[in-house]
């Protein structure tokens, strides 16, 4: 399982139910990385998608105890149901938010693909600081990118001891 997200300098990932920054290069990275794979998200993240529709070209799973049936997506009411849906395909899974879903699934993730914005987004949703977690190591960091004065890097973190769901 993998996490994919964008975060500011404080590891903030969202504000008011949306992204902190909308950068075409980051959106392209997300699309290219997740295309053809399984994406897992919470109900609020799903409702923030354009048109409140599943992402095309991916198997969409919503982890939520309160979501009803969603056309074009599967709903898992909890961890046992989610793990049954993804079974042995965990390397093919990308967790895409929100903060509560990240907290639940991060221990099972082997990698985290993080677009790090070198700015403060002043948001209200946060991701755990992987730089301060000894289980996680920075594996890759791109050169500095710039979009209209907003600087960012693409990074990959590796979990040295991912949990196994039993």
C-alpha atoms as a PDB file:
ATOM      1  CA  UNK A   1       0.000   0.000   0.000  1.00  0.00           C
ATOM      2  CA  UNK A   2       1.179   3.541  -0.743  1.00  0.00           C
ATOM      3  CA  UNK A   3       0.154   7.005   0.388  1.00  0.00           C
ATOM      4  CA  UNK A   4       0.047   9.886  -2.085  1.00  0.00           C
ATOM      5  CA  UNK A   5      -0.420  13.497  -1.039  1.00  0.00           C
ATOM      6  CA  UNK A   6       0.782  17.069  -1.153  1.00  0.00           C
ATOM      7  CA  UNK A   7       1.821  18.894   2.008  1.00  0.00           C
ATOM      8  CA  UNK A   8       3.148  22.276   3.027  1.00  0.00           C
ATOM      9  CA  UNK A   9       6.132  22.946   5.303  1.00  0.00           C
ATOM     10  CA  UNK A  10       4.019  22.069   8.379  1.00  0.00           C
ATOM     11  CA  UNK A  11       2.738  18.830   6.821  1.00  0.00           C
ATOM     12  CA  UNK A  12      -0.647  20.477   6.340  1.00  0.00           C
ATOM     13  CA  UNK A  13      -2.595  18.758   3.550  1.00  0.00           C
ATOM     14  CA  UNK A  14      -5.889  20.592   3.274  1.00  0.00           C
ATOM     15  CA  UNK A  15      -8.091  23.519   4.049  1.00  0.00           C
ATOM     16  CA  UNK A  16     -11.884  23.556   4.221  1.00  0.00           C
ATOM     17  CA  UNK A  17     -12.170  20.141   2.609  1.00  0.00           C
ATOM     18  CA  UNK A  18      -9.974  21.009  -0.376  1.00  0.00           C
ATOM     19  CA  UNK A  19      -6.344  21.033  -1.399  1.00  0.00           C
ATOM     20  CA  UNK A  20      -3.987  23.762  -0.205  1.00  0.00           C
ATOM     21  CA  UNK A  21      -2.481  24.360  -3.643  1.00  0.00           C
ATOM     22  CA  UNK A  22      -3.666  23.525  -7.173  1.00  0.00           C
ATOM     23  CA  UNK A  23      -0.569  23.053  -9.300  1.00  0.00           C
ATOM     24  CA  UNK A  24      -0.918  21.411 -12.739  1.00  0.00           C
ATOM     25  CA  UNK A  25       2.409  19.563 -12.444  1.00  0.00           C
ATOM     26  CA  UNK A  26       1.344  18.068  -9.083  1.00  0.00           C
ATOM     27  CA  UNK A  27      -2.063  17.064 -10.494  1.00  0.00           C
ATOM     28  CA  UNK A  28      -0.316  15.379 -13.457  1.00  0.00           C
ATOM     29  CA  UNK A  29       2.025  13.516 -11.094  1.00  0.00           C
ATOM     30  CA  UNK A  30      -0.969  12.276  -9.081  1.00  0.00           C
ATOM     31  CA  UNK A  31      -2.827  11.162 -12.202  1.00  0.00           C
ATOM     32  CA  UNK A  32       0.199   9.466 -13.789  1.00  0.00           C
ATOM     33  CA  UNK A  33       1.112   7.681 -10.541  1.00  0.00           C
ATOM     34  CA  UNK A  34      -2.367   6.391  -9.698  1.00  0.00           C
ATOM     35  CA  UNK A  35      -3.710   5.633 -13.196  1.00  0.00           C
ATOM     36  CA  UNK A  36      -4.622   1.977 -13.569  1.00  0.00           C
ATOM     37  CA  UNK A  37      -4.335   1.342  -9.837  1.00  0.00           C
ATOM     38  CA  UNK A  38      -6.628   1.231  -6.801  1.00  0.00           C
ATOM     39  CA  UNK A  39      -7.281   4.519  -4.975  1.00  0.00           C
ATOM     40  CA  UNK A  40      -8.633   4.528  -1.428  1.00  0.00           C
ATOM     41  CA  UNK A  41     -10.223   7.617   0.072  1.00  0.00           C
ATOM     42  CA  UNK A  42     -12.664   8.719   2.708  1.00  0.00           C
ATOM     43  CA  UNK A  43     -16.168   9.966   1.978  1.00  0.00           C
ATOM     44  CA  UNK A  44     -15.275  13.659   2.316  1.00  0.00           C
ATOM     45  CA  UNK A  45     -12.327  13.294  -0.060  1.00  0.00           C
ATOM     46  CA  UNK A  46     -14.623  11.556  -2.534  1.00  0.00           C
ATOM     47  CA  UNK A  47     -17.153  14.384  -2.230  1.00  0.00           C
ATOM     48  CA  UNK A  48     -14.376  16.902  -2.991  1.00  0.00           C
ATOM     49  CA  UNK A  49     -13.628  15.273  -6.367  1.00  0.00           C
ATOM     50  CA  UNK A  50     -14.806  17.077  -9.519  1.00  0.00           C
ATOM     51  CA  UNK A  51     -18.500  16.340  -9.960  1.00  0.00           C
ATOM     52  CA  UNK A  52     -18.365  14.027  -6.918  1.00  0.00           C
ATOM     53  CA  UNK A  53     -17.552  11.227  -9.354  1.00  0.00           C
ATOM     54  CA  UNK A  54     -15.003   8.394  -9.108  1.00  0.00           C
ATOM     55  CA  UNK A  55     -11.614   9.040 -10.686  1.00  0.00           C
ATOM     56  CA  UNK A  56     -11.570   7.531 -14.181  1.00  0.00           C
ATOM     57  CA  UNK A  57      -9.105   4.778 -15.047  1.00  0.00           C
ATOM     58  CA  UNK A  58      -8.749   3.664 -11.436  1.00  0.00           C
ATOM     59  CA  UNK A  59     -10.602   1.346  -9.092  1.00  0.00           C
ATOM     60  CA  UNK A  60     -12.111   3.706  -6.497  1.00  0.00           C
ATOM     61  CA  UNK A  61     -12.725   2.466  -2.950  1.00  0.00           C
ATOM     62  CA  UNK A  62     -14.324   4.750  -0.356  1.00  0.00           C
ATOM     63  CA  UNK A  63     -13.506   3.856   3.250  1.00  0.00           C
ATOM     64  CA  UNK A  64     -16.525   5.087   5.190  1.00  0.00           C
ATOM     65  CA  UNK A  65     -19.020   3.754   7.665  1.00  0.00           C
ATOM     66  CA  UNK A  66     -21.559   6.384   6.608  1.00  0.00           C
ATOM     67  CA  UNK A  67     -21.386   6.352   2.790  1.00  0.00           C
ATOM     68  CA  UNK A  68     -24.157   4.566   0.960  1.00  0.00           C
ATOM     69  CA  UNK A  69     -23.797   3.022  -2.465  1.00  0.00           C
ATOM     70  CA  UNK A  70     -21.770   5.139  -4.876  1.00  0.00           C
ATOM     71  CA  UNK A  71     -22.041   4.530  -8.599  1.00  0.00           C
ATOM     72  CA  UNK A  72     -18.702   3.543 -10.092  1.00  0.00           C
ATOM     73  CA  UNK A  73     -17.022   3.022  -6.719  1.00  0.00           C
ATOM     74  CA  UNK A  74     -16.879   0.423  -3.990  1.00  0.00           C
ATOM     75  CA  UNK A  75     -17.563   1.265  -0.351  1.00  0.00           C
ATOM     76  CA  UNK A  76     -15.756  -0.401   2.543  1.00  0.00           C
ATOM     77  CA  UNK A  77     -17.415   0.190   5.918  1.00  0.00           C
ATOM     78  CA  UNK A  78     -14.222  -0.580   7.849  1.00  0.00           C
ATOM     79  CA  UNK A  79     -10.734  -2.051   7.758  1.00  0.00           C
ATOM     80  CA  UNK A  80     -11.771  -5.724   7.445  1.00  0.00           C
ATOM     81  CA  UNK A  81     -13.948  -4.952   4.428  1.00  0.00           C
ATOM     82  CA  UNK A  82     -11.253  -2.735   2.853  1.00  0.00           C
ATOM     83  CA  UNK A  83      -8.574  -5.389   3.278  1.00  0.00           C
ATOM     84  CA  UNK A  84     -10.896  -8.006   1.788  1.00  0.00           C
ATOM     85  CA  UNK A  85     -11.478  -5.763  -1.260  1.00  0.00           C
ATOM     86  CA  UNK A  86      -7.777  -5.147  -1.912  1.00  0.00           C
ATOM     87  CA  UNK A  87      -6.671  -8.642  -0.766  1.00  0.00           C
ATOM     88  CA  UNK A  88      -3.170  -9.365  -2.039  1.00  0.00           C
ATOM     89  CA  UNK A  89      -2.955  -6.323  -4.329  1.00  0.00           C
ATOM     90  CA  UNK A  90      -1.644  -3.964  -1.643  1.00  0.00           C
ATOM     91  CA  UNK A  91       1.314  -2.749  -3.779  1.00  0.00           C
ATOM     92  CA  UNK A  92      -1.282  -1.565  -6.287  1.00  0.00           C
ATOM     93  CA  UNK A  93      -3.118   0.620  -3.729  1.00  0.00           C
ATOM     94  CA  UNK A  94      -2.764   4.391  -3.304  1.00  0.00           C
ATOM     95  CA  UNK A  95      -4.304   6.022  -0.229  1.00  0.00           C
ATOM     96  CA  UNK A  96      -5.326   9.561  -1.200  1.00  0.00           C
ATOM     97  CA  UNK A  97      -6.931  11.031   1.895  1.00  0.00           C
ATOM     98  CA  UNK A  98      -8.318  12.559   3.924  1.00  0.00           C
ATOM     99  CA  UNK A  99      -6.424  13.013   7.157  1.00  0.00           C
ATOM    100  CA  UNK A 100      -8.371  10.362   9.088  1.00  0.00           C
ATOM    101  CA  UNK A 101      -7.947   7.746   6.353  1.00  0.00           C
ATOM    102  CA  UNK A 102      -4.221   8.509   6.175  1.00  0.00           C
ATOM    103  CA  UNK A 103      -3.953   8.040   9.967  1.00  0.00           C
ATOM    104  CA  UNK A 104      -5.690   4.656   9.756  1.00  0.00           C
ATOM    105  CA  UNK A 105      -3.745   3.308   6.781  1.00  0.00           C
ATOM    106  CA  UNK A 106      -0.285   4.919   7.018  1.00  0.00           C
ATOM    107  CA  UNK A 107       1.168   2.116   9.195  1.00  0.00           C
ATOM    108  CA  UNK A 108       0.389  -0.342   6.350  1.00  0.00           C
ATOM    109  CA  UNK A 109       1.961   1.834   3.639  1.00  0.00           C
ATOM    110  CA  UNK A 110       5.385   0.893   2.324  1.00  0.00           C
ATOM    111  CA  UNK A 111       5.889   4.200   0.530  1.00  0.00           C
ATOM    112  CA  UNK A 112       4.564   7.730   0.661  1.00  0.00           C
ATOM    113  CA  UNK A 113       4.705   9.924  -2.439  1.00  0.00           C
ATOM    114  CA  UNK A 114       4.685  13.469  -1.109  1.00  0.00           C
ATOM    115  CA  UNK A 115       4.705  16.699  -3.085  1.00  0.00           C
ATOM    116  CA  UNK A 116       6.302  19.073  -0.544  1.00  0.00           C
ATOM    117  CA  UNK A 117       5.382  22.706  -1.016  1.00  0.00           C
ATOM    118  CA  UNK A 118       7.948  25.104   0.419  1.00  0.00           C
ATOM    119  CA  UNK A 119       5.236  27.396   1.758  1.00  0.00           C
ATOM    120  CA  UNK A 120       2.662  27.549   4.533  1.00  0.00           C
ATOM    121  CA  UNK A 121      -0.869  26.825   3.369  1.00  0.00           C
ATOM    122  CA  UNK A 122      -2.548  27.717   6.680  1.00  0.00           C
ATOM    123  CA  UNK A 123      -4.891  24.776   6.431  1.00  0.00           C
ATOM    124  CA  UNK A 124      -6.804  22.663   8.916  1.00  0.00           C
ATOM    125  CA  UNK A 125      -5.959  19.047   8.017  1.00  0.00           C
ATOM    126  CA  UNK A 126      -2.565  17.501   8.686  1.00  0.00           C
ATOM    127  CA  UNK A 127      -0.494  14.469   7.748  1.00  0.00           C
ATOM    128  CA  UNK A 128       2.006  12.929  10.193  1.00  0.00           C
ATOM    129  CA  UNK A 129       5.472  14.468   9.889  1.00  0.00           C
ATOM    130  CA  UNK A 130       7.476  11.690   8.228  1.00  0.00           C
ATOM    131  CA  UNK A 131      10.742  13.591   8.756  1.00  0.00           C
ATOM    132  CA  UNK A 132      10.285  13.116  12.508  1.00  0.00           C
ATOM    133  CA  UNK A 133       9.184   9.471  12.339  1.00  0.00           C
ATOM    134  CA  UNK A 134      12.140   7.066  12.676  1.00  0.00           C
ATOM    135  CA  UNK A 135      10.232   4.326  10.801  1.00  0.00           C
ATOM    136  CA  UNK A 136      10.187   6.483   7.665  1.00  0.00           C
ATOM    137  CA  UNK A 137      13.212   7.466   5.576  1.00  0.00           C
ATOM    138  CA  UNK A 138      13.477   9.923   2.715  1.00  0.00           C
ATOM    139  CA  UNK A 139      14.184   7.788  -0.339  1.00  0.00           C
ATOM    140  CA  UNK A 140      13.971  10.356  -3.158  1.00  0.00           C
ATOM    141  CA  UNK A 141      13.827  14.123  -3.503  1.00  0.00           C
ATOM    142  CA  UNK A 142      13.510  15.886  -6.863  1.00  0.00           C
ATOM    143  CA  UNK A 143      15.064  19.151  -7.869  1.00  0.00           C
ATOM    144  CA  UNK A 144      13.151  22.287  -6.971  1.00  0.00           C
ATOM    145  CA  UNK A 145      10.098  23.062  -9.147  1.00  0.00           C
ATOM    146  CA  UNK A 146       8.338  26.404  -9.412  1.00  0.00           C
ATOM    147  CA  UNK A 147       4.774  27.309 -10.333  1.00  0.00           C
ATOM    148  CA  UNK A 148       3.968  31.030 -10.319  1.00  0.00           C
ATOM    149  CA  UNK A 149       6.483  31.602  -7.507  1.00  0.00           C
ATOM    150  CA  UNK A 150       5.343  28.586  -5.466  1.00  0.00           C
ATOM    151  CA  UNK A 151       8.282  26.237  -4.953  1.00  0.00           C
ATOM    152  CA  UNK A 152       7.874  22.482  -4.436  1.00  0.00           C
ATOM    153  CA  UNK A 153       9.663  19.143  -4.641  1.00  0.00           C
ATOM    154  CA  UNK A 154       8.507  15.632  -5.381  1.00  0.00           C
ATOM    155  CA  UNK A 155       9.640  13.282  -2.621  1.00  0.00           C
ATOM    156  CA  UNK A 156       9.310   9.608  -1.790  1.00  0.00           C
ATOM    157  CA  UNK A 157       9.507   8.215   1.727  1.00  0.00           C
ATOM    158  CA  UNK A 158       9.984   4.531   2.562  1.00  0.00           C
ATOM    159  CA  UNK A 159       8.492   2.849   5.610  1.00  0.00           C
ATOM    160  CA  UNK A 160      11.248   0.649   7.020  1.00  0.00           C
ATOM    161  CA  UNK A 161       8.777  -1.575   8.897  1.00  0.00           C
ATOM    162  CA  UNK A 162       5.239  -1.480   7.429  1.00  0.00           C
ATOM    163  CA  UNK A 163       2.569  -3.192   9.490  1.00  0.00           C
ATOM    164  CA  UNK A 164       0.838  -6.291   8.185  1.00  0.00           C
ATOM    165  CA  UNK A 165      -2.928  -6.457   8.552  1.00  0.00           C
ATOM    166  CA  UNK A 166      -4.121  -9.705  10.068  1.00  0.00           C
END
